[in-house]
């Protein structure tokens, strides 16, 4: 009996997550780095900071637009499979495939823009994610061609293959979003972490004039900028991928003082943390400040950050 117990202990535990393990290995696959570096460099060079890039990042929406756009194509193609399985009107299936293909173009444009400014581990998974989606797009394009030329059975076969490959691409996209936090807000509202009221931060005399620094309020890192007798405070971790804003560069955009993240160039207005340029889409949590007669700087979250 004891031998049987020992044997069971010695056996390696069986785990029902081979796909997760495979993607974890994919994150650390340096063989993908050469094409990644080249493609990402071309995207950043051809798509400089500006209105088009901000639109593709989703700055206007307050979150990335690639995931919801991707759901449109995937939904059209999944619906095509339902129609094919039920022998519905083939014209409806062709319309859905066409819609999915047309929507794939802006989806890919938004996706590659976001992908070009991610961390390397995220880019490795994203590279395979994009390859799967391009393969699915090719299969559905072939399916549409076969259907339009009267070869309905072959068109359906390619569509089912396309759905399987698109499902793989969707799984990898989910891994990037939920496991790797690509596109998530890395500077969520900190109001719930700070007790109500004003809090002592530091002495005004301890802050350099015109140069951003980091100060801590408990365990929260804050970006602090002093100009003479005025002080502005934001959460220090960039909402894009948690870059240290205090190491960034001060610039003026449309007459407003802004801080540019040193990692990927996200630009925020210093007075209220609003996004001026992406890749960030979520604003930086901002703090109100006041200076007491003895020079003590106090802070509290902006009212809009308080629940």
Protein backbone atom coordinates (compact mmCIF):
# COMPACT_ATOMS: atom_id res chain seq x y z
CA UNK A 1 0.00 0.00 0.00
CA UNK A 2 2.78 2.41 0.93
CA UNK A 3 4.60 1.63 -2.34
CA UNK A 4 1.46 2.49 -4.32
CA UNK A 5 1.17 5.82 -2.50
CA UNK A 6 4.81 6.63 -3.20
CA UNK A 7 4.35 5.76 -6.88
CA UNK A 8 1.40 8.13 -7.17
CA UNK A 9 3.43 10.89 -5.53
CA UNK A 10 6.30 10.37 -7.92
CA UNK A 11 4.14 10.64 -11.01
CA UNK A 12 4.15 13.96 -12.75
CA UNK A 13 0.76 15.72 -12.32
CA UNK A 14 -1.33 15.80 -15.47
CA UNK A 15 -2.46 19.25 -16.52
CA UNK A 16 -5.20 20.16 -18.99
CA UNK A 17 -3.47 23.27 -20.36
CA UNK A 18 -1.10 22.31 -23.17
CA UNK A 19 -2.14 25.35 -25.22
CA UNK A 20 -1.18 27.73 -22.39
CA UNK A 21 2.21 26.07 -22.06
CA UNK A 22 2.81 26.35 -25.81
CA UNK A 23 2.00 30.05 -25.84
CA UNK A 24 4.21 30.61 -22.80
CA UNK A 25 7.06 29.08 -24.81
CA UNK A 26 6.12 31.28 -27.76
CA UNK A 27 6.63 34.38 -25.61
CA UNK A 28 10.29 33.39 -25.25
CA UNK A 29 11.03 32.44 -28.87
CA UNK A 30 13.90 34.71 -30.02
CA UNK A 31 13.78 33.20 -33.51
CA UNK A 32 10.87 35.56 -34.23
CA UNK A 33 12.75 38.70 -33.24
CA UNK A 34 14.38 39.46 -36.57
CA UNK A 35 11.18 39.87 -38.61
CA UNK A 36 9.51 41.55 -35.62
CA UNK A 37 12.20 44.22 -35.38
CA UNK A 38 12.06 44.91 -39.10
CA UNK A 39 8.28 45.08 -39.42
CA UNK A 40 7.77 47.11 -36.23
CA UNK A 41 10.45 49.58 -37.35
CA UNK A 42 8.78 50.05 -40.72
CA UNK A 43 5.37 50.64 -39.10
CA UNK A 44 6.74 53.25 -36.69
CA UNK A 45 8.65 54.97 -39.50
CA UNK A 46 5.72 55.07 -41.93
CA UNK A 47 3.16 55.97 -39.29
CA UNK A 48 4.59 58.81 -37.16
CA UNK A 49 2.83 60.41 -34.22
CA UNK A 50 -0.26 62.21 -35.45
CA UNK A 51 -4.01 62.06 -36.01
CA UNK A 52 -4.05 58.89 -38.12
CA UNK A 53 -1.93 56.92 -35.68
CA UNK A 54 -3.99 58.16 -32.71
CA UNK A 55 -7.17 57.10 -34.53
CA UNK A 56 -5.81 53.61 -35.20
CA UNK A 57 -4.76 53.28 -31.55
CA UNK A 58 -8.28 54.28 -30.47
CA UNK A 59 -7.40 57.45 -28.53
CA UNK A 60 -10.78 58.94 -29.52
CA UNK A 61 -12.61 55.92 -28.04
CA UNK A 62 -10.66 55.74 -24.80
CA UNK A 63 -9.57 52.14 -25.46
CA UNK A 64 -8.00 50.17 -28.35
CA UNK A 65 -10.32 49.69 -31.34
CA UNK A 66 -8.62 46.58 -32.72
CA UNK A 67 -10.41 44.02 -30.47
CA UNK A 68 -14.00 45.18 -31.21
CA UNK A 69 -13.22 45.45 -34.93
CA UNK A 70 -11.84 41.90 -34.88
CA UNK A 71 -15.09 40.66 -33.32
CA UNK A 72 -17.01 41.91 -36.37
CA UNK A 73 -15.04 39.75 -38.82
CA UNK A 74 -15.01 36.76 -36.50
CA UNK A 75 -18.75 37.11 -35.95
CA UNK A 76 -19.43 37.27 -39.68
CA UNK A 77 -17.35 34.19 -40.33
CA UNK A 78 -18.85 32.22 -37.46
CA UNK A 79 -22.32 33.10 -38.77
CA UNK A 80 -21.23 31.85 -42.19
CA UNK A 81 -20.47 28.46 -40.65
CA UNK A 82 -23.96 28.33 -39.13
CA UNK A 83 -25.52 29.11 -42.51
CA UNK A 84 -23.37 26.50 -44.25
CA UNK A 85 -24.34 23.83 -41.71
CA UNK A 86 -28.04 24.58 -42.15
CA UNK A 87 -27.96 24.78 -45.98
CA UNK A 88 -29.32 28.33 -45.89
CA UNK A 89 -29.40 30.73 -48.83
CA UNK A 90 -25.81 30.80 -50.19
CA UNK A 91 -26.19 34.51 -50.98
CA UNK A 92 -26.38 35.28 -47.26
CA UNK A 93 -23.16 33.35 -46.61
CA UNK A 94 -21.40 35.21 -49.41
CA UNK A 95 -22.55 38.55 -47.97
CA UNK A 96 -21.23 37.66 -44.53
CA UNK A 97 -17.86 36.50 -45.88
CA UNK A 98 -17.54 39.69 -47.94
CA UNK A 99 -18.34 41.85 -44.88
CA UNK A 100 -15.76 39.99 -42.79
CA UNK A 101 -13.08 40.40 -45.47
CA UNK A 102 -13.80 44.12 -45.91
CA UNK A 103 -13.70 44.70 -42.15
CA UNK A 104 -10.40 42.81 -41.85
CA UNK A 105 -8.52 45.67 -43.52
CA UNK A 106 -9.13 48.39 -40.88
CA UNK A 107 -8.85 45.70 -38.19
CA UNK A 108 -5.36 44.75 -39.39
CA UNK A 109 -4.33 48.42 -39.66
CA UNK A 110 -5.35 49.08 -36.04
CA UNK A 111 -3.79 45.83 -34.85
CA UNK A 112 -0.38 46.33 -36.43
CA UNK A 113 -0.28 49.91 -35.12
CA UNK A 114 -0.86 48.69 -31.56
CA UNK A 115 1.52 45.76 -32.03
CA UNK A 116 4.41 47.95 -33.19
CA UNK A 117 4.72 49.55 -29.72
CA UNK A 118 4.36 46.50 -27.45
CA UNK A 119 6.96 44.70 -25.37
CA UNK A 120 8.95 41.98 -27.14
CA UNK A 121 7.16 39.05 -25.45
CA UNK A 122 3.82 40.52 -26.51
CA UNK A 123 5.09 41.12 -30.04
CA UNK A 124 6.17 37.50 -30.41
CA UNK A 125 2.69 36.22 -29.62
CA UNK A 126 1.20 39.01 -31.72
CA UNK A 127 3.34 38.04 -34.70
CA UNK A 128 1.87 34.52 -34.74
CA UNK A 129 -1.59 35.96 -34.02
CA UNK A 130 -1.29 38.15 -37.13
CA UNK A 131 0.02 35.24 -39.23
CA UNK A 132 -2.98 33.12 -38.23
CA UNK A 133 -5.40 35.92 -39.06
CA UNK A 134 -3.78 36.56 -42.44
CA UNK A 135 -4.05 32.85 -43.20
CA UNK A 136 -7.74 32.90 -42.24
CA UNK A 137 -8.26 35.96 -44.45
CA UNK A 138 -6.67 34.10 -47.37
CA UNK A 139 -8.85 31.04 -46.79
CA UNK A 140 -12.03 33.10 -46.68
CA UNK A 141 -11.01 35.02 -49.79
CA UNK A 142 -10.53 31.69 -51.54
CA UNK A 143 -13.86 30.49 -50.19
CA UNK A 144 -15.62 33.55 -51.59
CA UNK A 145 -13.98 33.05 -54.99
CA UNK A 146 -15.07 29.41 -55.14
CA UNK A 147 -18.61 30.27 -54.15
CA UNK A 148 -18.85 33.02 -56.75
CA UNK A 149 -17.66 30.58 -59.44
CA UNK A 150 -20.23 27.95 -58.52
CA UNK A 151 -18.04 25.62 -56.46
CA UNK A 152 -20.09 25.81 -53.28
CA UNK A 153 -18.75 22.65 -51.63
CA UNK A 154 -15.12 23.73 -51.99
CA UNK A 155 -16.03 27.19 -50.73
CA UNK A 156 -17.59 25.74 -47.62
CA UNK A 157 -14.56 23.56 -46.96
CA UNK A 158 -12.23 26.54 -47.13
CA UNK A 159 -14.57 28.54 -44.88
CA UNK A 160 -14.52 25.85 -42.17
CA UNK A 161 -10.73 25.74 -42.35
CA UNK A 162 -10.66 29.54 -42.17
CA UNK A 163 -12.83 29.52 -39.06
CA UNK A 164 -10.50 27.06 -37.32
CA UNK A 165 -7.46 29.21 -38.10
CA UNK A 166 -9.32 32.41 -37.11
CA UNK A 167 -10.19 30.70 -33.82
CA UNK A 168 -6.48 30.11 -33.21
CA UNK A 169 -5.81 33.76 -33.95
CA UNK A 170 -8.58 34.76 -31.55
CA UNK A 171 -7.13 32.55 -28.82
CA UNK A 172 -3.72 34.18 -29.20
CA UNK A 173 -5.36 37.60 -29.16
CA UNK A 174 -7.09 36.69 -25.91
CA UNK A 175 -3.76 35.57 -24.46
CA UNK A 176 -2.25 38.96 -25.32
CA UNK A 177 -5.18 40.86 -23.85
CA UNK A 178 -5.77 38.89 -20.66
CA UNK A 179 -2.47 37.16 -19.83
CA UNK A 180 -0.05 39.77 -21.17
CA UNK A 181 -2.28 42.84 -20.56
CA UNK A 182 -1.62 44.31 -24.01
CA UNK A 183 -4.06 47.18 -24.47
CA UNK A 184 -5.16 47.17 -20.83
CA UNK A 185 -5.00 50.33 -18.73
CA UNK A 186 -1.83 50.16 -16.63
CA UNK A 187 -2.70 53.32 -14.70
CA UNK A 188 -6.16 52.49 -13.40
CA UNK A 189 -7.85 55.00 -11.15
CA UNK A 190 -5.94 55.13 -7.86
CA UNK A 191 -8.67 56.92 -5.92
CA UNK A 192 -9.76 53.71 -4.19
CA UNK A 193 -6.17 53.22 -2.99
CA UNK A 194 -5.99 56.65 -1.35
CA UNK A 195 -7.97 57.57 1.79
CA UNK A 196 -10.25 60.60 1.51
CA UNK A 197 -8.84 64.05 2.18
CA UNK A 198 -5.51 65.76 1.71
CA UNK A 199 -2.21 63.92 2.14
CA UNK A 200 1.27 65.23 2.84
CA UNK A 201 3.64 64.64 -0.07
CA UNK A 202 6.85 66.63 0.43
CA UNK A 203 8.26 70.11 0.96
CA UNK A 204 8.12 72.46 -2.03
CA UNK A 205 11.79 73.27 -1.51
CA UNK A 206 12.66 69.59 -2.00
CA UNK A 207 11.29 69.60 -5.57
CA UNK A 208 13.58 70.67 -8.42
CA UNK A 209 12.20 73.53 -10.49
CA UNK A 210 11.13 72.50 -14.02
CA UNK A 211 12.28 68.87 -13.83
CA UNK A 212 9.88 65.97 -13.18
CA UNK A 213 10.61 63.61 -10.31
CA UNK A 214 8.95 60.62 -8.69
CA UNK A 215 7.55 60.77 -5.18
CA UNK A 216 5.58 58.18 -3.25
CA UNK A 217 2.25 58.43 -1.52
CA UNK A 218 2.29 55.25 0.49
CA UNK A 219 3.10 52.62 -2.12
CA UNK A 220 1.76 54.68 -5.05
CA UNK A 221 4.41 56.21 -7.33
CA UNK A 222 3.56 59.76 -8.41
CA UNK A 223 4.91 61.95 -11.21
CA UNK A 224 5.57 65.42 -9.76
CA UNK A 225 6.47 68.57 -11.68
CA UNK A 226 7.15 71.92 -10.05
CA UNK A 227 7.31 75.25 -11.84
CA UNK A 228 8.07 78.00 -9.34
CA UNK A 229 5.12 77.95 -6.92
CA UNK A 230 2.92 75.57 -8.93
CA UNK A 231 2.98 71.79 -8.65
CA UNK A 232 1.26 69.19 -10.85
CA UNK A 233 0.92 65.53 -9.91
CA UNK A 234 -0.08 62.48 -11.97
CA UNK A 235 0.18 58.73 -11.45
CA UNK A 236 3.70 57.85 -12.56
CA UNK A 237 3.05 54.55 -14.36
CA UNK A 238 2.06 55.19 -17.98
CA UNK A 239 -1.39 53.83 -18.79
CA UNK A 240 -0.02 52.19 -21.96
CA UNK A 241 2.53 49.73 -20.55
CA UNK A 242 3.48 51.20 -17.15
CA UNK A 243 6.50 53.22 -18.30
CA UNK A 244 8.00 55.67 -15.75
CA UNK A 245 6.64 59.08 -16.72
CA UNK A 246 9.07 60.96 -14.48
CA UNK A 247 11.86 59.84 -16.82
CA UNK A 248 10.04 61.31 -19.83
CA UNK A 249 10.42 64.57 -21.70
CA UNK A 250 8.42 67.74 -21.14
CA UNK A 251 6.95 69.22 -24.33
CA UNK A 252 4.32 71.75 -25.37
CA UNK A 253 1.39 70.50 -27.48
CA UNK A 254 -1.27 73.00 -28.63
CA UNK A 255 -0.18 75.40 -25.91
CA UNK A 256 -0.37 72.81 -23.10
CA UNK A 257 2.50 71.38 -21.08
CA UNK A 258 2.74 67.65 -21.70
CA UNK A 259 4.83 64.72 -20.56
CA UNK A 260 6.02 62.19 -23.15
CA UNK A 261 6.52 58.64 -21.90
CA UNK A 262 10.13 57.51 -22.43
CA UNK A 263 9.10 53.99 -23.48
CA UNK A 264 6.67 54.36 -26.38
CA UNK A 265 5.98 58.08 -26.71
CA UNK A 266 2.50 58.33 -25.20
CA UNK A 267 1.80 62.01 -24.50
CA UNK A 268 -0.31 63.30 -21.61
CA UNK A 269 -1.41 66.79 -20.61
CA UNK A 270 0.21 67.56 -17.28
CA UNK A 271 -2.68 69.58 -15.86
CA UNK A 272 -5.26 66.77 -15.97
CA UNK A 273 -3.60 63.64 -17.44
CA UNK A 274 -5.62 63.72 -20.68
CA UNK A 275 -4.21 61.72 -23.60
CA UNK A 276 -2.79 63.99 -26.30
CA UNK A 277 -1.12 61.27 -28.42
CA UNK A 278 -1.15 57.47 -28.25
CA UNK A 279 -0.36 54.63 -28.08
CA UNK A 280 -1.98 55.18 -24.67
CA UNK A 281 -5.76 55.46 -24.82
CA UNK A 282 -6.58 55.86 -21.10
CA UNK A 283 -5.75 59.09 -19.30
CA UNK A 284 -3.37 59.32 -16.38
CA UNK A 285 -5.00 59.65 -12.96
CA UNK A 286 -4.43 63.22 -11.79
CA UNK A 287 -4.15 64.75 -8.31
CA UNK A 288 -5.12 68.12 -6.95
CA UNK A 289 -2.37 69.95 -5.11
CA UNK A 290 -2.08 72.71 -2.56
CA UNK A 291 0.87 74.31 -0.81
CA UNK A 292 0.58 75.24 2.87
CA UNK A 293 2.17 78.31 4.45
CA UNK A 294 5.12 76.25 5.69
CA UNK A 295 5.84 75.00 2.12
CA UNK A 296 4.32 71.54 2.59
CA UNK A 297 2.83 70.13 -0.63
CA UNK A 298 -0.39 68.18 -0.16
CA UNK A 299 -2.30 66.13 -2.72
CA UNK A 300 -5.61 64.40 -3.19
CA UNK A 301 -7.15 62.62 -6.22
CA UNK A 302 -9.04 64.72 -8.73
CA UNK A 303 -12.82 64.61 -8.05
CA UNK A 304 -13.37 62.72 -11.33
CA UNK A 305 -11.21 59.89 -9.96
CA UNK A 306 -13.20 59.53 -6.78
CA UNK A 307 -16.01 56.94 -6.73
